[in-house]
Protein backbone atom coordinates (compact mmCIF):
# COMPACT_ATOMS: atom_id res chain seq x y z
CA MET A 1 0.00 0.00 0.00
CA HIS A 2 0.98 3.64 -0.42
CA ILE A 3 1.24 5.45 2.90
CA VAL A 4 1.64 9.22 3.31
CA VAL A 5 3.09 10.41 6.63
CA THR A 6 3.30 14.12 7.39
CA GLY A 7 5.96 15.32 9.81
CA SER A 8 8.08 12.27 8.95
CA ALA A 9 11.56 13.70 9.54
CA ARG A 10 11.76 12.95 13.24
CA GLY A 11 9.94 11.75 16.35
CA ILE A 12 6.62 9.96 16.00
CA GLY A 13 6.38 10.60 12.25
CA ARG A 14 9.77 9.05 11.55
CA ALA A 15 8.91 6.01 13.70
CA VAL A 16 5.60 5.62 11.83
CA ALA A 17 7.30 5.81 8.44
CA LEU A 18 9.86 3.19 9.47
CA LYS A 19 7.14 0.88 10.82
CA PHE A 20 5.20 0.90 7.55
CA LEU A 21 8.39 0.44 5.54
CA ALA A 22 9.38 -2.54 7.72
CA CYS A 23 5.98 -4.07 6.97
CA GLY A 24 6.57 -3.83 3.22
CA HIS A 25 4.63 -0.70 2.33
CA LYS A 26 5.64 2.25 0.15
CA VAL A 27 5.89 5.49 2.14
CA THR A 28 5.91 9.14 1.10
CA GLY A 29 7.05 11.46 3.87
CA VAL A 30 6.13 15.15 3.91
CA ASP A 31 8.03 17.53 6.18
CA ILE A 32 9.65 20.98 6.25
CA LEU A 33 12.92 19.24 7.23
CA PRO A 34 15.04 16.76 5.26
CA SER A 35 14.86 13.10 6.23
CA SER A 36 17.54 10.60 7.24
CA ILE A 37 15.41 7.62 6.16
CA ALA A 38 17.29 5.71 3.46
CA GLU A 39 15.18 2.55 3.23
CA THR A 40 13.98 1.31 -0.14
CA GLY A 41 10.41 2.38 -0.81
CA TYR A 42 10.69 5.76 0.89
CA ARG A 43 10.20 9.08 -0.90
CA HIS A 44 10.63 12.40 0.91
CA VAL A 45 8.93 15.67 -0.02
CA ILE A 46 9.92 18.94 1.64
CA CYS A 47 6.75 20.96 2.10
CA ASP A 48 5.03 23.19 4.65
CA ILE A 49 1.52 21.74 4.61
CA SER A 50 0.07 25.01 5.88
CA ALA A 51 1.50 27.27 3.16
CA ASP A 52 3.40 25.59 0.31
CA PRO A 53 1.88 24.10 -2.84
CA LEU A 54 0.99 20.54 -1.87
CA PRO A 55 2.75 17.68 -3.66
CA SER A 56 0.88 15.62 -6.21
CA LEU A 57 0.23 12.30 -4.47
CA GLU A 58 -1.78 9.59 -6.18
CA ASN A 59 -3.29 6.30 -5.05
CA VAL A 60 -2.88 7.05 -1.35
CA ASP A 61 -4.16 4.15 0.74
CA ILE A 62 -3.41 5.47 4.22
CA LEU A 63 -2.80 9.05 5.36
CA VAL A 64 -1.11 9.63 8.71
CA ASN A 65 -1.50 13.27 9.78
CA ASN A 66 1.37 13.78 12.19
CA ALA A 67 2.93 17.14 11.25
CA GLY A 68 2.67 19.69 14.01
CA VAL A 69 4.28 22.44 16.03
CA GLN A 70 4.00 23.41 19.68
CA ASP A 71 3.76 26.89 21.21
CA SER A 72 5.04 28.36 17.96
CA GLY A 73 2.55 31.11 17.26
CA ARG A 74 1.43 28.98 14.30
CA ASP A 75 -0.15 26.03 16.10
CA ILE A 76 -3.62 26.62 14.64
CA ASP A 77 -2.25 27.27 11.15
CA VAL A 78 -0.08 24.14 11.03
CA ASN A 79 -1.69 21.61 13.36
CA LEU A 80 -5.29 22.26 12.37
CA LYS A 81 -5.52 24.23 9.13
CA GLY A 82 -2.52 22.48 7.56
CA THR A 83 -3.93 19.09 8.51
CA ILE A 84 -7.30 19.98 7.01
CA ARG A 85 -5.61 21.29 3.88
CA ILE A 86 -3.64 18.15 3.04
CA THR A 87 -6.41 15.79 4.13
CA GLU A 88 -8.96 17.40 1.85
CA ALA A 89 -6.46 17.25 -1.02
CA LEU A 90 -6.01 13.49 -0.57
CA LEU A 91 -9.57 12.37 0.10
CA THR A 92 -10.56 10.13 -2.81
CA PRO A 93 -12.54 6.88 -2.98
CA HIS A 94 -9.17 5.07 -3.17
CA ILE A 95 -8.27 5.89 0.43
CA LYS A 96 -8.66 3.19 3.06
CA SER A 97 -7.89 4.99 6.31
CA ILE A 98 -6.80 8.27 7.83
CA VAL A 99 -5.03 8.44 11.18
CA PHE A 100 -4.65 11.77 12.95
CA ILE A 101 -2.02 12.29 15.63
CA ALA A 102 -3.78 14.55 18.10
CA SER A 103 -2.85 14.91 21.78
CA ALA A 104 -4.18 14.03 25.20
CA SER A 105 -4.47 17.80 25.65
CA ALA A 106 -7.38 17.71 23.17
CA THR A 107 -9.34 16.10 26.01
CA THR A 108 -7.68 17.52 29.13
CA GLY A 109 -7.03 21.06 27.91
CA ALA A 110 -3.53 20.88 29.40
CA GLU A 111 -0.48 22.38 27.65
CA PHE A 112 -0.26 25.61 25.69
CA PRO A 113 -3.60 27.29 24.81
CA GLU A 114 -3.30 27.33 21.00
CA TYR A 115 -1.74 23.87 20.96
CA ALA A 116 -4.59 22.38 23.01
CA ALA A 117 -7.12 24.17 20.81
CA SER A 118 -5.46 22.96 17.62
CA LYS A 119 -5.51 19.35 18.79
CA GLY A 120 -9.09 19.59 20.03
CA GLY A 121 -10.03 20.88 16.60
CA THR A 122 -8.13 18.00 15.01
CA VAL A 123 -10.24 15.46 16.91
CA ALA A 124 -13.47 17.21 15.90
CA TYR A 125 -12.31 17.36 12.27
CA MET A 126 -11.40 13.66 12.40
CA LYS A 127 -14.99 12.81 13.28
CA ASN A 128 -16.22 14.92 10.37
CA VAL A 129 -13.88 13.08 8.00
CA ALA A 130 -14.96 9.70 9.38
CA LEU A 131 -18.58 10.43 8.56
CA ARG A 132 -17.71 11.38 4.99
CA VAL A 133 -15.28 8.58 4.10
CA ALA A 134 -17.56 5.89 5.52
CA ALA A 135 -19.36 5.95 2.19
CA TRP A 136 -16.18 4.54 0.65
CA GLY A 137 -15.72 1.90 3.37
CA ALA A 138 -12.78 3.87 4.79
CA THR A 139 -12.03 4.69 8.43
CA ALA A 140 -10.78 7.80 10.20
CA ASN A 141 -9.53 7.84 13.78
CA SER A 142 -7.15 9.80 15.96
CA ILE A 143 -4.48 8.79 18.43
CA SER A 144 -3.88 11.20 21.29
CA PRO A 145 -0.53 10.61 22.98
CA GLY A 146 0.36 12.02 26.34
CA GLY A 147 4.06 12.33 26.99
CA VAL A 148 6.32 10.76 24.35
CA THR A 149 10.10 10.45 24.56
CA THR A 150 10.95 12.70 21.62
CA GLN A 151 13.53 15.43 21.06
CA LEU A 152 10.75 18.01 21.44
CA ASN A 153 10.32 17.01 25.09
CA ARG A 154 13.98 17.02 26.15
CA HIS A 155 13.37 20.15 28.24
CA VAL A 156 11.35 18.22 30.80
CA MET A 157 12.93 14.81 30.28
CA GLU A 158 16.36 16.14 31.28
CA SER A 159 15.15 18.10 34.31
CA PRO A 160 14.97 15.85 37.40
CA SER A 161 12.52 18.15 39.19
CA LEU A 162 10.17 18.50 36.22
CA TRP A 163 10.38 14.80 35.41
CA ASP A 164 9.57 13.83 39.01
CA ALA A 165 6.55 16.17 38.97
CA ILE A 166 5.32 14.62 35.71
CA MET A 167 5.77 11.07 36.99
CA ALA A 168 3.80 11.98 40.13
CA GLU A 169 0.83 12.62 37.81
CA THR A 170 1.41 9.51 35.66
CA PRO A 171 0.06 6.23 37.13
CA LEU A 172 2.26 3.95 34.99
CA LYS A 173 5.34 6.06 35.80
CA LYS A 174 6.63 6.23 32.24
CA TRP A 175 6.13 7.83 28.85
CA ALA A 176 5.54 6.09 25.53
CA SER A 177 8.30 5.84 22.95
CA PRO A 178 7.78 6.99 19.35
CA GLU A 179 8.02 3.35 18.30
CA GLU A 180 5.15 2.35 20.60
CA ILE A 181 2.94 5.10 19.16
CA ALA A 182 3.90 3.84 15.69
CA GLU A 183 2.58 0.40 16.61
CA TRP A 184 -0.77 1.97 17.54
CA VAL A 185 -0.83 3.91 14.28
CA TYR A 186 -0.11 0.77 12.27
CA PHE A 187 -2.90 -1.17 13.94
CA VAL A 188 -5.44 1.63 13.62
CA GLY A 189 -4.48 2.46 10.03
CA ALA A 190 -3.55 -0.86 8.42
CA ILE A 191 -5.28 -3.60 10.42
CA ASN A 192 -8.41 -2.03 11.86
CA ARG A 193 -11.44 -2.12 9.57
CA SER A 194 -14.34 -1.59 11.97
CA MET A 195 -13.41 1.22 14.36
CA THR A 196 -14.00 4.74 13.05
CA ALA A 197 -14.60 8.26 14.42
CA GLN A 198 -12.76 7.36 17.64
CA ASP A 199 -9.97 9.07 19.60
CA LEU A 200 -7.57 6.80 21.49
CA ILE A 201 -5.73 8.37 24.43
CA ILE A 202 -2.31 6.80 24.99
CA ASP A 203 -0.96 8.64 28.04
CA ASN A 204 0.05 6.02 30.63
CA GLY A 205 -3.03 6.92 32.66
CA GLU A 206 -2.26 10.61 33.21
CA SER A 207 -5.68 11.87 32.13
CA ALA A 208 -7.36 9.40 34.51
CA ARG A 209 -5.62 10.85 37.58
CA SER A 210 -8.15 11.64 40.30
CA ASN A 211 -6.11 12.60 43.39
CA PHE A 212 -9.04 11.74 45.68
CA ILE A 213 -8.56 13.15 49.18
CA TRP A 214 -10.60 11.99 52.16
C-alpha cells in the first residue's frame, strides 16, 4: 500500500514511516525538514503543509497526519488548518484509512492554549472526516498521545525536578516511545477495519488521575 506520513523527519512521524516500511509498504514522507530515512520504498517531499503548494500524491491508501508544532505562534495554522488542507487534497474513494495524531491535551485542555485548541479541533475534524469517508468503506480515527520520549520534550525529560513532577501525575510512571505510538498507528491504520470516528488516548493513565482526598 501507499502510505503518506506528514511530519516524517523525526519523532513519531519518523517512527511511523519506518514501521510501515518494515511491513513492506511504500511510504511518502512530507516535512519541512530533510529526512535521514534511506530505506527502499521511501520518498521524501519537503513541504510546509500550511502554506506551500501541496505535492501531487496519487493512489494514497493510508494518510497519517502527524505534522505539528508546539507553542510556535502557528499552532492553529499548522496543526489544524494544515492538517485539514492536506487531508482534503487526498480524500478520494481510493483511500482506506486516515489516522490523525492529536494529543491528550485535546481532552484535558492541558499544555499551551493554542496547541490544546489545535488538537481539540483535530479530533473534531477527524470525526467529520470519518462520517464522509464511511461511504467509501474507509475509516478515520485519531491517536492522542500524552508524553512521548521525543527530542521536542527534552526540556522536561532532562530536568529531574520537572520529570519527578510529571511522573507523580502519571500512574504507569513512564512515557511512551515513538516506536510504541507507531505500533498503535499501524494497527489503527492498516489492520483495523471496523473502528471509526474514535480518539484513542495513549498517556500512561495521566488523564485518569483523580487525586481523591478523604
